[in-house]
Amino acid sequence: MKLTTFGRVVRELRLAYDQPLKAMADFLEISSAYLSGIEYGDKRLTEKVGEETCVFFTQCGAPIQDIRRLRAAISESMASVSVEDLTSESRRRVAAFARALRAGKPVNASVDRWIESQM
């Protein structure tokens, strides 16, 4: 499993400030398993958890540069794309594509090139 940007930065900061997962989870008032799920993208990162994570590391003595890096990671990890304005057919295609990616199915090379050109 691959860590989200939030997960990678949080783990780096926990190591730098000698803070175990359990201590951070307790501070956030969530379980260690739930926090781990957020780090891996299995659970949704909420604004509240993001803000409280910044408070946690501020209280650990993290300098402003680390907090800025953490905020950027939170922003990136919370990024989503609304499908609300898409047609029913387009929403169906997005959902099918997401399910295929989640299942680890390979992306057609021409589709992959098109996606890369859109980024």
C-alpha atoms as a PDB file:
ATOM      1  CA  MET A   1       0.000   0.000   0.000  1.00  0.00           C
ATOM      2  CA  LYS A   2       1.123   3.503  -0.778  1.00  0.00           C
ATOM      3  CA  LEU A   3       0.853   6.361   1.687  1.00  0.00           C
ATOM      4  CA  THR A   4      -1.049   9.493   0.748  1.00  0.00           C
ATOM      5  CA  THR A   5       0.889  12.753   0.728  1.00  0.00           C
ATOM      6  CA  PHE A   6      -0.664  13.465   4.132  1.00  0.00           C
ATOM      7  CA  GLY A   7       0.429  10.039   5.404  1.00  0.00           C
ATOM      8  CA  ARG A   8       3.998  10.452   4.184  1.00  0.00           C
ATOM      9  CA  VAL A   9       4.424  13.909   5.733  1.00  0.00           C
ATOM     10  CA  VAL A  10       2.744  12.918   9.009  1.00  0.00           C
ATOM     11  CA  ARG A  11       4.984   9.864   9.376  1.00  0.00           C
ATOM     12  CA  GLU A  12       8.075  11.944   8.690  1.00  0.00           C
ATOM     13  CA  LEU A  13       6.987  14.486  11.307  1.00  0.00           C
ATOM     14  CA  ARG A  14       6.078  11.808  13.860  1.00  0.00           C
ATOM     15  CA  LEU A  15       9.558  10.336  13.481  1.00  0.00           C
ATOM     16  CA  ALA A  16      11.225  13.757  13.636  1.00  0.00           C
ATOM     17  CA  TYR A  17       9.358  14.679  16.830  1.00  0.00           C
ATOM     18  CA  ASP A  18       9.423  11.180  18.355  1.00  0.00           C
ATOM     19  CA  GLN A  19       5.635  10.827  18.420  1.00  0.00           C
ATOM     20  CA  PRO A  20       4.078   7.372  18.118  1.00  0.00           C
ATOM     21  CA  LEU A  21       0.938   6.816  16.049  1.00  0.00           C
ATOM     22  CA  LYS A  22      -1.012   6.049  19.225  1.00  0.00           C
ATOM     23  CA  ALA A  23      -0.128   9.400  20.837  1.00  0.00           C
ATOM     24  CA  MET A  24      -1.276  11.290  17.758  1.00  0.00           C
ATOM     25  CA  ALA A  25      -4.448   9.212  17.426  1.00  0.00           C
ATOM     26  CA  ASP A  26      -5.265   9.820  21.094  1.00  0.00           C
ATOM     27  CA  PHE A  27      -4.780  13.562  20.612  1.00  0.00           C
ATOM     28  CA  LEU A  28      -7.084  13.474  17.576  1.00  0.00           C
ATOM     29  CA  GLU A  29      -9.587  11.348  19.525  1.00  0.00           C
ATOM     30  CA  ILE A  30      -9.617   8.625  16.874  1.00  0.00           C
ATOM     31  CA  SER A  31      -8.272   5.076  16.884  1.00  0.00           C
ATOM     32  CA  SER A  32      -4.779   4.230  15.716  1.00  0.00           C
ATOM     33  CA  ALA A  33      -6.318   2.005  13.032  1.00  0.00           C
ATOM     34  CA  TYR A  34      -8.456   4.883  11.767  1.00  0.00           C
ATOM     35  CA  LEU A  35      -5.453   7.238  11.644  1.00  0.00           C
ATOM     36  CA  SER A  36      -3.473   4.603   9.757  1.00  0.00           C
ATOM     37  CA  GLY A  37      -6.410   4.273   7.342  1.00  0.00           C
ATOM     38  CA  ILE A  38      -6.330   8.025   6.717  1.00  0.00           C
ATOM     39  CA  GLU A  39      -2.585   7.871   6.053  1.00  0.00           C
ATOM     40  CA  TYR A  40      -3.101   5.141   3.453  1.00  0.00           C
ATOM     41  CA  GLY A  41      -6.166   6.765   1.896  1.00  0.00           C
ATOM     42  CA  ASP A  42      -8.512   4.007   3.039  1.00  0.00           C
ATOM     43  CA  LYS A  43     -10.346   6.499   5.264  1.00  0.00           C
ATOM     44  CA  ARG A  44     -11.297  10.055   4.382  1.00  0.00           C
ATOM     45  CA  LEU A  45      -9.177  12.900   5.730  1.00  0.00           C
ATOM     46  CA  THR A  46     -11.506  15.533   7.167  1.00  0.00           C
ATOM     47  CA  GLU A  47     -10.847  19.227   7.691  1.00  0.00           C
ATOM     48  CA  LYS A  48     -11.133  18.707  11.454  1.00  0.00           C
ATOM     49  CA  VAL A  49      -8.484  15.969  11.516  1.00  0.00           C
ATOM     50  CA  GLY A  50      -6.262  18.071   9.270  1.00  0.00           C
ATOM     51  CA  GLU A  51      -6.517  21.130  11.518  1.00  0.00           C
ATOM     52  CA  GLU A  52      -6.058  19.116  14.701  1.00  0.00           C
ATOM     53  CA  THR A  53      -2.995  17.456  13.157  1.00  0.00           C
ATOM     54  CA  CYS A  54      -1.474  20.920  12.690  1.00  0.00           C
ATOM     55  CA  VAL A  55      -2.245  21.731  16.328  1.00  0.00           C
ATOM     56  CA  PHE A  56      -0.673  18.439  17.425  1.00  0.00           C
ATOM     57  CA  PHE A  57       2.610  19.133  15.642  1.00  0.00           C
ATOM     58  CA  THR A  58       2.635  22.776  16.731  1.00  0.00           C
ATOM     59  CA  GLN A  59       2.402  21.546  20.336  1.00  0.00           C
ATOM     60  CA  CYS A  60       5.267  19.124  19.575  1.00  0.00           C
ATOM     61  CA  GLY A  61       7.412  22.136  18.684  1.00  0.00           C
ATOM     62  CA  ALA A  62       7.315  21.841  14.900  1.00  0.00           C
ATOM     63  CA  PRO A  63       8.540  25.038  13.212  1.00  0.00           C
ATOM     64  CA  ILE A  64       6.346  26.972  10.800  1.00  0.00           C
ATOM     65  CA  GLN A  65       8.069  25.395   7.745  1.00  0.00           C
ATOM     66  CA  ASP A  66       6.959  21.938   8.870  1.00  0.00           C
ATOM     67  CA  ILE A  67       3.418  23.161   9.527  1.00  0.00           C
ATOM     68  CA  ARG A  68       3.305  24.770   6.058  1.00  0.00           C
ATOM     69  CA  ARG A  69       4.491  21.510   4.497  1.00  0.00           C
ATOM     70  CA  LEU A  70       1.850  19.643   6.507  1.00  0.00           C
ATOM     71  CA  ARG A  71      -0.886  22.068   5.381  1.00  0.00           C
ATOM     72  CA  ALA A  72       0.149  21.571   1.741  1.00  0.00           C
ATOM     73  CA  ALA A  73      -0.011  17.783   2.219  1.00  0.00           C
ATOM     74  CA  ILE A  74      -3.458  18.098   3.813  1.00  0.00           C
ATOM     75  CA  SER A  75      -4.675  20.204   0.903  1.00  0.00           C
ATOM     76  CA  GLU A  76      -3.318  17.748  -1.665  1.00  0.00           C
ATOM     77  CA  SER A  77      -4.731  14.716   0.141  1.00  0.00           C
ATOM     78  CA  MET A  78      -8.179  16.275   0.461  1.00  0.00           C
ATOM     79  CA  ALA A  79      -8.332  17.231  -3.215  1.00  0.00           C
ATOM     80  CA  SER A  80     -11.305  15.771  -5.020  1.00  0.00           C
ATOM     81  CA  VAL A  81     -13.165  16.309  -8.239  1.00  0.00           C
ATOM     82  CA  SER A  82     -16.890  16.948  -8.208  1.00  0.00           C
ATOM     83  CA  VAL A  83     -18.913  14.885 -10.656  1.00  0.00           C
ATOM     84  CA  GLU A  84     -22.122  16.679  -9.715  1.00  0.00           C
ATOM     85  CA  ASP A  85     -22.400  18.608 -13.007  1.00  0.00           C
ATOM     86  CA  LEU A  86     -21.594  15.634 -15.237  1.00  0.00           C
ATOM     87  CA  THR A  87     -24.192  13.758 -17.209  1.00  0.00           C
ATOM     88  CA  SER A  88     -25.420  10.456 -15.863  1.00  0.00           C
ATOM     89  CA  GLU A  89     -23.373   8.628 -18.514  1.00  0.00           C
ATOM     90  CA  SER A  90     -20.203  10.544 -17.618  1.00  0.00           C
ATOM     91  CA  ARG A  91     -20.680   9.824 -13.889  1.00  0.00           C
ATOM     92  CA  ARG A  92     -21.118   6.135 -14.738  1.00  0.00           C
ATOM     93  CA  ARG A  93     -17.836   6.181 -16.684  1.00  0.00           C
ATOM     94  CA  VAL A  94     -15.958   7.957 -13.884  1.00  0.00           C
ATOM     95  CA  ALA A  95     -17.254   5.412 -11.365  1.00  0.00           C
ATOM     96  CA  ALA A  96     -16.307   2.478 -13.623  1.00  0.00           C
ATOM     97  CA  PHE A  97     -12.823   3.908 -14.133  1.00  0.00           C
ATOM     98  CA  ALA A  98     -12.366   4.459 -10.381  1.00  0.00           C
ATOM     99  CA  ARG A  99     -13.515   0.893  -9.620  1.00  0.00           C
ATOM    100  CA  ALA A 100     -11.058  -0.496 -12.194  1.00  0.00           C
ATOM    101  CA  LEU A 101      -8.186   1.511 -10.707  1.00  0.00           C
ATOM    102  CA  ARG A 102      -9.106   0.447  -7.186  1.00  0.00           C
ATOM    103  CA  ALA A 103      -9.130  -3.194  -8.333  1.00  0.00           C
ATOM    104  CA  GLY A 104      -5.631  -2.732  -9.761  1.00  0.00           C
ATOM    105  CA  LYS A 105      -6.671  -3.237 -13.358  1.00  0.00           C
ATOM    106  CA  PRO A 106      -4.232  -1.787 -15.897  1.00  0.00           C
ATOM    107  CA  VAL A 107      -5.158   1.365 -17.789  1.00  0.00           C
ATOM    108  CA  ASN A 108      -5.135   1.197 -21.586  1.00  0.00           C
ATOM    109  CA  ALA A 109      -1.951   2.923 -22.847  1.00  0.00           C
ATOM    110  CA  SER A 110      -3.832   5.421 -25.021  1.00  0.00           C
ATOM    111  CA  VAL A 111      -6.130   6.332 -22.110  1.00  0.00           C
ATOM    112  CA  ASP A 112      -3.107   6.684 -19.858  1.00  0.00           C
ATOM    113  CA  ARG A 113      -1.414   9.042 -22.366  1.00  0.00           C
ATOM    114  CA  TRP A 114      -4.591  11.106 -22.638  1.00  0.00           C
ATOM    115  CA  ILE A 115      -4.855  11.406 -18.839  1.00  0.00           C
ATOM    116  CA  GLU A 116      -1.205  12.443 -18.587  1.00  0.00           C
ATOM    117  CA  SER A 117      -1.803  15.141 -21.219  1.00  0.00           C
ATOM    118  CA  GLN A 118      -4.634  16.549 -19.095  1.00  0.00           C
ATOM    119  CA  MET A 119      -2.525  16.968 -15.958  1.00  0.00           C
END
